[in-house]
Protein backbone atom coordinates (compact mmCIF):
# COMPACT_ATOMS: atom_id res chain seq x y z
CA MET A 1 -5.85 73.01 233.51
CA THR A 2 -2.81 75.10 234.32
CA ARG A 3 -2.83 78.74 235.25
CA ASP A 4 -1.41 79.65 231.84
CA GLN A 5 -4.13 77.68 230.06
CA ASN A 6 -6.82 79.45 232.10
CA ALA A 7 -5.33 82.81 231.21
CA LEU A 8 -5.15 81.84 227.55
CA ASN A 9 -8.79 80.66 227.56
CA ARG A 10 -9.91 83.97 229.12
CA CYS A 11 -7.89 85.90 226.56
CA VAL A 12 -9.42 83.95 223.65
CA PHE A 13 -12.89 84.49 225.11
CA CYS A 14 -12.24 88.25 225.36
CA LEU A 15 -10.96 88.40 221.80
CA LEU A 16 -14.18 86.79 220.64
CA LEU A 17 -16.53 88.71 222.91
CA VAL A 18 -15.23 92.28 222.67
CA PRO A 19 -15.68 92.69 218.89
CA ALA A 20 -19.21 91.27 219.12
CA LEU A 21 -20.12 93.69 221.91
CA PHE A 22 -18.58 96.60 220.02
CA GLN A 23 -20.52 95.69 216.88
CA ALA A 24 -23.79 95.45 218.85
CA GLN A 25 -23.19 98.87 220.42
CA THR A 26 -22.34 100.38 217.03
CA ILE A 27 -25.51 98.99 215.46
CA ALA A 28 -27.63 100.27 218.37
CA ALA A 29 -26.04 103.73 218.12
CA GLN A 30 -26.61 103.88 214.37
CA ALA A 31 -30.24 102.86 214.81
CA THR A 32 -30.75 105.56 217.44
CA GLU A 33 -29.11 108.21 215.23
CA THR A 34 -31.25 107.15 212.28
CA GLN A 35 -34.43 107.29 214.35
CA MET A 36 -33.53 110.69 215.78
CA ALA A 37 -32.51 112.13 212.40
CA ALA A 38 -35.86 111.15 210.92
CA ARG A 39 -37.72 113.15 213.58
CA THR A 40 -38.55 116.83 213.67
CA CYS A 41 -40.02 119.14 216.29
CA LYS A 42 -43.49 118.50 214.90
CA GLN A 43 -43.00 114.79 215.58
CA VAL A 44 -41.88 114.94 219.22
CA SER A 45 -44.42 114.71 222.01
CA SER A 46 -42.35 115.81 225.01
CA CYS A 47 -39.65 118.28 225.89
CA GLU A 48 -37.34 115.40 226.83
CA GLU A 49 -37.65 113.97 223.32
CA ALA A 50 -36.94 117.42 221.90
CA VAL A 51 -33.82 117.87 224.04
CA VAL A 52 -32.53 114.42 223.07
CA LEU A 53 -33.14 115.28 219.42
CA TRP A 54 -31.30 118.57 219.84
CA CYS A 55 -28.40 117.02 221.75
CA ASN A 56 -28.01 114.39 219.04
CA GLY A 57 -27.34 117.00 216.41
CA TYR A 58 -30.69 118.27 215.14
CA ARG A 59 -29.72 121.95 215.30
CA MET A 60 -32.93 123.15 213.67
CA ALA A 61 -34.66 122.22 216.94
CA ASP A 62 -33.46 125.59 218.25
CA ALA A 63 -33.66 127.62 215.06
CA ASP A 64 -33.84 130.97 216.90
CA ASN A 65 -30.83 130.12 219.14
CA ASP A 66 -32.60 131.00 222.39
CA GLY A 67 -31.53 127.73 224.07
CA ILE A 68 -35.01 126.22 223.95
CA PRO A 69 -35.47 123.46 221.36
CA CYS A 70 -38.86 122.61 219.90
CA GLU A 71 -40.83 125.37 221.55
CA ASN A 72 -44.03 123.51 220.72
CA VAL A 73 -43.19 121.16 223.64
CA CYS A 74 -40.47 122.99 225.64
CA SER A 75 -41.42 126.24 227.28
CA THR A 76 -38.56 127.39 229.51
CA GLN A 77 -34.77 127.41 229.57
CA GLN A 78 -34.92 125.97 233.11
CA GLN A 79 -36.94 122.98 231.90
CA VAL A 80 -34.46 122.36 229.09
CA ASN A 81 -31.43 122.68 231.39
CA GLU A 82 -32.89 120.22 233.89
CA ILE A 83 -33.42 117.66 231.13
CA ARG A 84 -29.95 118.28 229.73
CA ARG A 85 -28.42 117.64 233.15
CA SER A 86 -30.43 114.47 233.65
CA ILE A 87 -29.41 112.98 230.28
CA GLY A 88 -25.84 114.24 230.31
CA CYS A 89 -26.05 116.60 227.38
């Protein structure tokens, strides 16, 4: 096989692989969003779950806007900030 043929084979492989990977990531992201959207503060069992829920768009998690989501499981702003830093939110 020539160098050009090897390059062409790699290119064809990438063209086939990249869309499949993108589709798998999209499906996983949609599933996660759906799971998170179906949850409420009453349904979370840890502050980390609450922060993830909040960071993924569930704004009612912090209804009083004090920076602490789901106060049934999160008790301090420091706890919330530590979790936010660790998950990149």
